[in-house]
Amino acid sequence: MLDIPEIVQEEIARIAQTEGMSVSAVATLLLADAVRRYHTRRLNLTNVKRMSRSPRYEWALREGVVDSVLKGDIDLTEDSGKVWR
């Protein structure tokens, strides 16, 4: 179901080790928080999407967006006023 980039999996594993928790528990909490923020319109995915070449999906992530989010170059919060820095 989920095809998560290796760099994100590594970061989640680091957080889990730091917090003394399982990787699954940390991933679940982080995803739950993102889902809550999305539903309360505090997470904006508009500027990180591009048209998908796949007939299965309308949209895909823009190239390099995951690294940019991890580095803090892109802020997905709706209240940031500016999604791309």
PDB file of N, CA and C in Angstrom:
ATOM      1  N   MET A   1       0.806  -1.190   0.000  1.00  0.00           N
ATOM      2  CA  MET A   1       0.000   0.000   0.000  1.00  0.00           C
ATOM      3  C   MET A   1       0.858   1.267   0.000  1.00  0.00           C
ATOM      4  N   LEU A   2       1.903   1.299   0.796  1.00  0.00           N
ATOM      5  CA  LEU A   2       2.733   2.504   0.880  1.00  0.00           C
ATOM      6  C   LEU A   2       4.096   2.271   0.246  1.00  0.00           C
ATOM      7  N   ASP A   3       4.468   3.170  -0.631  1.00  0.00           N
ATOM      8  CA  ASP A   3       5.787   3.154  -1.239  1.00  0.00           C
ATOM      9  C   ASP A   3       6.507   4.383  -0.696  1.00  0.00           C
ATOM     10  N   ILE A   4       7.181   4.206   0.436  1.00  0.00           N
ATOM     11  CA  ILE A   4       7.799   5.331   1.147  1.00  0.00           C
ATOM     12  C   ILE A   4       9.289   5.374   0.821  1.00  0.00           C
ATOM     13  N   PRO A   5       9.791   6.545   0.400  1.00  0.00           N
ATOM     14  CA  PRO A   5      11.213   6.664   0.076  1.00  0.00           C
ATOM     15  C   PRO A   5      12.113   6.235   1.246  1.00  0.00           C
ATOM     16  N   GLU A   6      13.239   5.666   0.903  1.00  0.00           N
ATOM     17  CA  GLU A   6      14.171   5.156   1.908  1.00  0.00           C
ATOM     18  C   GLU A   6      14.605   6.231   2.899  1.00  0.00           C
ATOM     19  N   ILE A   7      14.818   7.440   2.418  1.00  0.00           N
ATOM     20  CA  ILE A   7      15.272   8.511   3.308  1.00  0.00           C
ATOM     21  C   ILE A   7      14.239   8.795   4.398  1.00  0.00           C
ATOM     22  N   VAL A   8      12.957   8.704   4.063  1.00  0.00           N
ATOM     23  CA  VAL A   8      11.901   8.916   5.058  1.00  0.00           C
ATOM     24  C   VAL A   8      11.871   7.753   6.041  1.00  0.00           C
ATOM     25  N   GLN A   9      12.004   6.533   5.532  1.00  0.00           N
ATOM     26  CA  GLN A   9      12.042   5.368   6.411  1.00  0.00           C
ATOM     27  C   GLN A   9      13.207   5.459   7.390  1.00  0.00           C
ATOM     28  N   GLU A  10      14.364   5.923   6.914  1.00  0.00           N
ATOM     29  CA  GLU A  10      15.540   6.068   7.782  1.00  0.00           C
ATOM     30  C   GLU A  10      15.292   7.111   8.866  1.00  0.00           C
ATOM     31  N   GLU A  11      14.658   8.220   8.510  1.00  0.00           N
ATOM     32  CA  GLU A  11      14.372   9.262   9.494  1.00  0.00           C
ATOM     33  C   GLU A  11      13.389   8.762  10.547  1.00  0.00           C
ATOM     34  N   ILE A  12      12.386   8.017  10.119  1.00  0.00           N
ATOM     35  CA  ILE A  12      11.423   7.458  11.063  1.00  0.00           C
ATOM     36  C   ILE A  12      12.115   6.474  11.999  1.00  0.00           C
ATOM     37  N   ALA A  13      13.019   5.671  11.465  1.00  0.00           N
ATOM     38  CA  ALA A  13      13.771   4.721  12.293  1.00  0.00           C
ATOM     39  C   ALA A  13      14.636   5.452  13.311  1.00  0.00           C
ATOM     40  N   ARG A  14      15.243   6.583  12.913  1.00  0.00           N
ATOM     41  CA  ARG A  14      16.061   7.380  13.846  1.00  0.00           C
ATOM     42  C   ARG A  14      15.192   7.949  14.973  1.00  0.00           C
ATOM     43  N   ILE A  15      14.034   8.463  14.602  1.00  0.00           N
ATOM     44  CA  ILE A  15      13.122   8.999  15.612  1.00  0.00           C
ATOM     45  C   ILE A  15      12.700   7.891  16.575  1.00  0.00           C
ATOM     46  N   ALA A  16      12.366   6.729  16.020  1.00  0.00           N
ATOM     47  CA  ALA A  16      11.940   5.598  16.855  1.00  0.00           C
ATOM     48  C   ALA A  16      13.032   5.207  17.837  1.00  0.00           C
ATOM     49  N   GLN A  17      14.264   5.161  17.357  1.00  0.00           N
ATOM     50  CA  GLN A  17      15.381   4.791  18.240  1.00  0.00           C
ATOM     51  C   GLN A  17      15.566   5.847  19.327  1.00  0.00           C
ATOM     52  N   THR A  18      15.514   7.111  18.950  1.00  0.00           N
ATOM     53  CA  THR A  18      15.674   8.199  19.910  1.00  0.00           C
ATOM     54  C   THR A  18      14.583   8.166  20.981  1.00  0.00           C
ATOM     55  N   GLU A  19      13.357   7.877  20.567  1.00  0.00           N
ATOM     56  CA  GLU A  19      12.220   7.884  21.481  1.00  0.00           C
ATOM     57  C   GLU A  19      11.994   6.554  22.178  1.00  0.00           C
ATOM     58  N   GLY A  20      12.763   5.522  21.806  1.00  0.00           N
ATOM     59  CA  GLY A  20      12.594   4.210  22.421  1.00  0.00           C
ATOM     60  C   GLY A  20      11.279   3.555  22.046  1.00  0.00           C
ATOM     61  N   MET A  21      10.842   3.795  20.812  1.00  0.00           N
ATOM     62  CA  MET A  21       9.563   3.269  20.334  1.00  0.00           C
ATOM     63  C   MET A  21       9.792   2.410  19.092  1.00  0.00           C
ATOM     64  N   SER A  22       8.768   1.672  18.700  1.00  0.00           N
ATOM     65  CA  SER A  22       8.876   0.896  17.462  1.00  0.00           C
ATOM     66  C   SER A  22       8.731   1.825  16.259  1.00  0.00           C
ATOM     67  N   VAL A  23       9.295   1.407  15.144  1.00  0.00           N
ATOM     68  CA  VAL A  23       9.184   2.173  13.908  1.00  0.00           C
ATOM     69  C   VAL A  23       7.715   2.317  13.525  1.00  0.00           C
ATOM     70  N   SER A  24       6.949   1.238  13.666  1.00  0.00           N
ATOM     71  CA  SER A  24       5.522   1.277  13.319  1.00  0.00           C
ATOM     72  C   SER A  24       4.756   2.274  14.182  1.00  0.00           C
ATOM     73  N   ALA A  25       5.070   2.325  15.460  1.00  0.00           N
ATOM     74  CA  ALA A  25       4.381   3.258  16.354  1.00  0.00           C
ATOM     75  C   ALA A  25       4.676   4.705  15.966  1.00  0.00           C
ATOM     76  N   VAL A  26       5.939   5.000  15.690  1.00  0.00           N
ATOM     77  CA  VAL A  26       6.307   6.366  15.293  1.00  0.00           C
ATOM     78  C   VAL A  26       5.663   6.727  13.963  1.00  0.00           C
ATOM     79  N   ALA A  27       5.733   5.822  12.988  1.00  0.00           N
ATOM     80  CA  ALA A  27       5.120   6.090  11.684  1.00  0.00           C
ATOM     81  C   ALA A  27       3.622   6.324  11.828  1.00  0.00           C
ATOM     82  N   THR A  28       2.970   5.534  12.657  1.00  0.00           N
ATOM     83  CA  THR A  28       1.536   5.684  12.884  1.00  0.00           C
ATOM     84  C   THR A  28       1.213   7.049  13.478  1.00  0.00           C
ATOM     85  N   LEU A  29       1.969   7.470  14.483  1.00  0.00           N
ATOM     86  CA  LEU A  29       1.732   8.775  15.106  1.00  0.00           C
ATOM     87  C   LEU A  29       1.974   9.926  14.136  1.00  0.00           C
ATOM     88  N   LEU A  30       3.058   9.844  13.379  1.00  0.00           N
ATOM     89  CA  LEU A  30       3.368  10.907  12.417  1.00  0.00           C
ATOM     90  C   LEU A  30       2.304  10.988  11.325  1.00  0.00           C
ATOM     91  N   LEU A  31       1.857   9.840  10.832  1.00  0.00           N
ATOM     92  CA  LEU A  31       0.811   9.835   9.818  1.00  0.00           C
ATOM     93  C   LEU A  31      -0.523  10.329  10.385  1.00  0.00           C
ATOM     94  N   ALA A  32      -0.849   9.915  11.602  1.00  0.00           N
ATOM     95  CA  ALA A  32      -2.092  10.372  12.229  1.00  0.00           C
ATOM     96  C   ALA A  32      -2.097  11.887  12.384  1.00  0.00           C
ATOM     97  N   ASP A  33      -0.963  12.458  12.782  1.00  0.00           N
ATOM     98  CA  ASP A  33      -0.865  13.908  12.928  1.00  0.00           C
ATOM     99  C   ASP A  33      -1.038  14.596  11.577  1.00  0.00           C
ATOM    100  N   ALA A  34      -0.432  14.060  10.539  1.00  0.00           N
ATOM    101  CA  ALA A  34      -0.562  14.643   9.197  1.00  0.00           C
ATOM    102  C   ALA A  34      -2.002  14.554   8.692  1.00  0.00           C
ATOM    103  N   VAL A  35      -2.663  13.432   8.942  1.00  0.00           N
ATOM    104  CA  VAL A  35      -4.061  13.271   8.534  1.00  0.00           C
ATOM    105  C   VAL A  35      -4.943  14.292   9.242  1.00  0.00           C
ATOM    106  N   ARG A  36      -4.734  14.466  10.544  1.00  0.00           N
ATOM    107  CA  ARG A  36      -5.502  15.463  11.306  1.00  0.00           C
ATOM    108  C   ARG A  36      -5.292  16.863  10.743  1.00  0.00           C
ATOM    109  N   ARG A  37      -4.031  17.218  10.485  1.00  0.00           N
ATOM    110  CA  ARG A  37      -3.743  18.548   9.941  1.00  0.00           C
ATOM    111  C   ARG A  37      -4.346  18.726   8.543  1.00  0.00           C
ATOM    112  N   TYR A  38      -4.322  17.681   7.741  1.00  0.00           N
ATOM    113  CA  TYR A  38      -4.922  17.743   6.409  1.00  0.00           C
ATOM    114  C   TYR A  38      -6.429  18.012   6.511  1.00  0.00           C
ATOM    115  N   HIS A  39      -7.106  17.278   7.372  1.00  0.00           N
ATOM    116  CA  HIS A  39      -8.556  17.425   7.505  1.00  0.00           C
ATOM    117  C   HIS A  39      -8.963  18.742   8.145  1.00  0.00           C
ATOM    118  N   THR A  40      -8.086  19.355   8.896  1.00  0.00           N
ATOM    119  CA  THR A  40      -8.385  20.668   9.477  1.00  0.00           C
ATOM    120  C   THR A  40      -7.798  21.799   8.623  1.00  0.00           C
ATOM    121  N   ARG A  41      -7.416  21.446   7.409  1.00  0.00           N
ATOM    122  CA  ARG A  41      -6.897  22.405   6.416  1.00  0.00           C
ATOM    123  C   ARG A  41      -5.639  23.130   6.878  1.00  0.00           C
ATOM    124  N   ARG A  42      -4.833  22.432   7.653  1.00  0.00           N
ATOM    125  CA  ARG A  42      -3.563  23.010   8.084  1.00  0.00           C
ATOM    126  C   ARG A  42      -2.391  22.348   7.372  1.00  0.00           C
ATOM    127  N   LEU A  43      -2.691  21.537   6.368  1.00  0.00           N
ATOM    128  CA  LEU A  43      -1.666  20.875   5.564  1.00  0.00           C
ATOM    129  C   LEU A  43      -2.071  21.047   4.108  1.00  0.00           C
ATOM    130  N   ASN A  44      -1.206  21.636   3.313  1.00  0.00           N
ATOM    131  CA  ASN A  44      -1.516  21.961   1.930  1.00  0.00           C
ATOM    132  C   ASN A  44      -0.586  21.197   0.994  1.00  0.00           C
ATOM    133  N   LEU A  45      -1.149  20.363   0.143  1.00  0.00           N
ATOM    134  CA  LEU A  45      -0.361  19.568  -0.792  1.00  0.00           C
ATOM    135  C   LEU A  45      -0.353  20.144  -2.207  1.00  0.00           C
ATOM    136  N   THR A  46      -1.023  21.262  -2.401  1.00  0.00           N
ATOM    137  CA  THR A  46      -1.201  21.832  -3.733  1.00  0.00           C
ATOM    138  C   THR A  46       0.103  22.051  -4.484  1.00  0.00           C
ATOM    139  N   ASN A  47       1.068  22.680  -3.859  1.00  0.00           N
ATOM    140  CA  ASN A  47       2.289  23.077  -4.569  1.00  0.00           C
ATOM    141  C   ASN A  47       3.365  22.011  -4.642  1.00  0.00           C
ATOM    142  N   VAL A  48       3.072  20.825  -4.167  1.00  0.00           N
ATOM    143  CA  VAL A  48       4.075  19.747  -4.248  1.00  0.00           C
ATOM    144  C   VAL A  48       3.658  18.665  -5.244  1.00  0.00           C
ATOM    145  N   LYS A  49       2.548  18.916  -5.955  1.00  0.00           N
ATOM    146  CA  LYS A  49       2.034  17.933  -6.907  1.00  0.00           C
ATOM    147  C   LYS A  49       2.362  18.337  -8.336  1.00  0.00           C
ATOM    148  N   ARG A  50       2.441  17.318  -9.183  1.00  0.00           N
ATOM    149  CA  ARG A  50       2.537  17.517 -10.630  1.00  0.00           C
ATOM    150  C   ARG A  50       1.588  16.507 -11.265  1.00  0.00           C
ATOM    151  N   MET A  51       1.223  16.754 -12.496  1.00  0.00           N
ATOM    152  CA  MET A  51       0.351  15.808 -13.197  1.00  0.00           C
ATOM    153  C   MET A  51       1.072  14.468 -13.305  1.00  0.00           C
ATOM    154  N   SER A  52       0.344  13.401 -13.051  1.00  0.00           N
ATOM    155  CA  SER A  52       0.911  12.055 -13.099  1.00  0.00           C
ATOM    156  C   SER A  52       0.883  11.516 -14.522  1.00  0.00           C
ATOM    157  N   ARG A  53       1.887  10.740 -14.859  1.00  0.00           N
ATOM    158  CA  ARG A  53       1.920  10.061 -16.158  1.00  0.00           C
ATOM    159  C   ARG A  53       1.195   8.722 -16.088  1.00  0.00           C
ATOM    160  N   SER A  54       0.872   8.303 -14.866  1.00  0.00           N
ATOM    161  CA  SER A  54       0.201   7.025 -14.653  1.00  0.00           C
ATOM    162  C   SER A  54      -1.304   7.186 -14.856  1.00  0.00           C
ATOM    163  N   PRO A  55      -1.933   6.251 -15.542  1.00  0.00           N
ATOM    164  CA  PRO A  55      -3.385   6.334 -15.691  1.00  0.00           C
ATOM    165  C   PRO A  55      -4.133   6.046 -14.383  1.00  0.00           C
ATOM    166  N   ARG A  56      -3.427   5.526 -13.383  1.00  0.00           N
ATOM    167  CA  ARG A  56      -4.060   5.190 -12.104  1.00  0.00           C
ATOM    168  C   ARG A  56      -4.237   6.394 -11.190  1.00  0.00           C
ATOM    169  N   TYR A  57      -3.408   7.425 -11.365  1.00  0.00           N
ATOM    170  CA  TYR A  57      -3.436   8.568 -10.450  1.00  0.00           C
ATOM    171  C   TYR A  57      -3.451   9.870 -11.234  1.00  0.00           C
ATOM    172  N   GLU A  58      -4.164  10.859 -10.691  1.00  0.00           N
ATOM    173  CA  GLU A  58      -4.185  12.187 -11.295  1.00  0.00           C
ATOM    174  C   GLU A  58      -2.891  12.950 -11.039  1.00  0.00           C
ATOM    175  N   TRP A  59      -2.358  12.790  -9.823  1.00  0.00           N
ATOM    176  CA  TRP A  59      -1.215  13.587  -9.382  1.00  0.00           C
ATOM    177  C   TRP A  59      -0.097  12.703  -8.840  1.00  0.00           C
ATOM    178  N   ALA A  60       1.121  13.213  -8.910  1.00  0.00           N
ATOM    179  CA  ALA A  60       2.303  12.586  -8.312  1.00  0.00           C
ATOM    180  C   ALA A  60       3.111  13.688  -7.631  1.00  0.00           C
ATOM    181  N   LEU A  61       4.060  13.289  -6.805  1.00  0.00           N
ATOM    182  CA  LEU A  61       4.917  14.285  -6.157  1.00  0.00           C
ATOM    183  C   LEU A  61       5.886  14.889  -7.168  1.00  0.00           C
ATOM    184  N   ARG A  62       6.125  16.172  -7.024  1.00  0.00           N
ATOM    185  CA  ARG A  62       7.151  16.818  -7.851  1.00  0.00           C
ATOM    186  C   ARG A  62       8.511  16.202  -7.520  1.00  0.00           C
ATOM    187  N   GLU A  63       9.384  16.214  -8.477  1.00  0.00           N
ATOM    188  CA  GLU A  63      10.734  15.676  -8.303  1.00  0.00           C
ATOM    189  C   GLU A  63      11.452  16.414  -7.175  1.00  0.00           C
ATOM    190  N   GLY A  64      12.080  15.681  -6.275  1.00  0.00           N
ATOM    191  CA  GLY A  64      12.890  16.254  -5.210  1.00  0.00           C
ATOM    192  C   GLY A  64      12.117  16.836  -4.037  1.00  0.00           C
ATOM    193  N   VAL A  65      10.794  16.721  -4.049  1.00  0.00           N
ATOM    194  CA  VAL A  65       9.998  17.380  -3.019  1.00  0.00           C
ATOM    195  C   VAL A  65      10.198  16.753  -1.634  1.00  0.00           C
ATOM    196  N   VAL A  66      10.409  15.457  -1.570  1.00  0.00           N
ATOM    197  CA  VAL A  66      10.574  14.799  -0.261  1.00  0.00           C
ATOM    198  C   VAL A  66      11.830  15.316   0.435  1.00  0.00           C
ATOM    199  N   ASP A  67      12.931  15.383  -0.288  1.00  0.00           N
ATOM    200  CA  ASP A  67      14.168  15.918   0.288  1.00  0.00           C
ATOM    201  C   ASP A  67      13.979  17.367   0.727  1.00  0.00           C
ATOM    202  N   SER A  68      13.271  18.145  -0.079  1.00  0.00           N
ATOM    203  CA  SER A  68      13.052  19.552   0.256  1.00  0.00           C
ATOM    204  C   SER A  68      12.196  19.718   1.507  1.00  0.00           C
ATOM    205  N   VAL A  69      11.221  18.845   1.682  1.00  0.00           N
ATOM    206  CA  VAL A  69      10.395  18.893   2.898  1.00  0.00           C
ATOM    207  C   VAL A  69      11.251  18.529   4.110  1.00  0.00           C
ATOM    208  N   LEU A  70      12.060  17.474   3.986  1.00  0.00           N
ATOM    209  CA  LEU A  70      12.914  17.059   5.103  1.00  0.00           C
ATOM    210  C   LEU A  70      13.932  18.134   5.478  1.00  0.00           C
ATOM    211  N   LYS A  71      14.446  18.846   4.497  1.00  0.00           N
ATOM    212  CA  LYS A  71      15.434  19.909   4.750  1.00  0.00           C
ATOM    213  C   LYS A  71      14.788  21.179   5.293  1.00  0.00           C
ATOM    214  N   GLY A  72      13.471  21.299   5.150  1.00  0.00           N
ATOM    215  CA  GLY A  72      12.790  22.511   5.591  1.00  0.00           C
ATOM    216  C   GLY A  72      12.680  23.565   4.515  1.00  0.00           C
ATOM    217  N   ASP A  73      13.040  23.221   3.281  1.00  0.00           N
ATOM    218  CA  ASP A  73      12.926  24.174   2.177  1.00  0.00           C
ATOM    219  C   ASP A  73      11.474  24.345   1.736  1.00  0.00           C
ATOM    220  N   ILE A  74      10.657  23.347   1.992  1.00  0.00           N
ATOM    221  CA  ILE A  74       9.232  23.404   1.676  1.00  0.00           C
ATOM    222  C   ILE A  74       8.459  23.195   2.969  1.00  0.00           C
ATOM    223  N   ASP A  75       7.505  24.075   3.217  1.00  0.00           N
ATOM    224  CA  ASP A  75       6.649  23.995   4.399  1.00  0.00           C
ATOM    225  C   ASP A  75       5.236  23.675   3.930  1.00  0.00           C
ATOM    226  N   LEU A  76       4.699  22.565   4.373  1.00  0.00           N
ATOM    227  CA  LEU A  76       3.370  22.138   3.933  1.00  0.00           C
ATOM    228  C   LEU A  76       2.242  22.723   4.760  1.00  0.00           C
ATOM    229  N   THR A  77       2.564  23.468   5.804  1.00  0.00           N
ATOM    230  CA  THR A  77       1.502  24.003   6.653  1.00  0.00           C
ATOM    231  C   THR A  77       0.777  25.132   5.940  1.00  0.00           C
ATOM    232  N   GLU A  78      -0.535  25.076   6.024  1.00  0.00           N
ATOM    233  CA  GLU A  78      -1.387  26.061   5.365  1.00  0.00           C
ATOM    234  C   GLU A  78      -1.137  27.469   5.905  1.00  0.00           C
ATOM    235  N   ASP A  79      -0.862  27.566   7.217  1.00  0.00           N
ATOM    236  CA  ASP A  79      -0.715  28.874   7.840  1.00  0.00           C
ATOM    237  C   ASP A  79       0.666  29.505   7.634  1.00  0.00           C
ATOM    238  N   SER A  80       1.533  28.809   6.914  1.00  0.00           N
ATOM    239  CA  SER A  80       2.871  29.374   6.691  1.00  0.00           C
ATOM    240  C   SER A  80       2.814  30.537   5.714  1.00  0.00           C
ATOM    241  N   GLY A  81       1.719  30.654   4.952  1.00  0.00           N
ATOM    242  CA  GLY A  81       1.563  31.750   4.007  1.00  0.00           C
ATOM    243  C   GLY A  81       2.307  31.518   2.712  1.00  0.00           C
ATOM    244  N   LYS A  82       3.381  30.784   2.770  1.00  0.00           N
ATOM    245  CA  LYS A  82       4.194  30.523   1.590  1.00  0.00           C
ATOM    246  C   LYS A  82       4.640  29.081   1.652  1.00  0.00           C
ATOM    247  N   VAL A  83       4.235  28.279   0.688  1.00  0.00           N
ATOM    248  CA  VAL A  83       4.566  26.872   0.721  1.00  0.00           C
ATOM    249  C   VAL A  83       5.996  26.652   0.261  1.00  0.00           C
ATOM    250  N   TRP A  84       6.415  27.321  -0.794  1.00  0.00           N
ATOM    251  CA  TRP A  84       7.800  27.180  -1.266  1.00  0.00           C
ATOM    252  C   TRP A  84       8.631  28.306  -0.692  1.00  0.00           C
ATOM    253  N   ARG A  85       9.782  27.972  -0.140  1.00  0.00           N
ATOM    254  CA  ARG A  85      10.666  29.004   0.411  1.00  0.00           C
ATOM    255  C   ARG A  85      11.736  29.350  -0.585  1.00  0.00           C
TER     256      ARG A  85
END
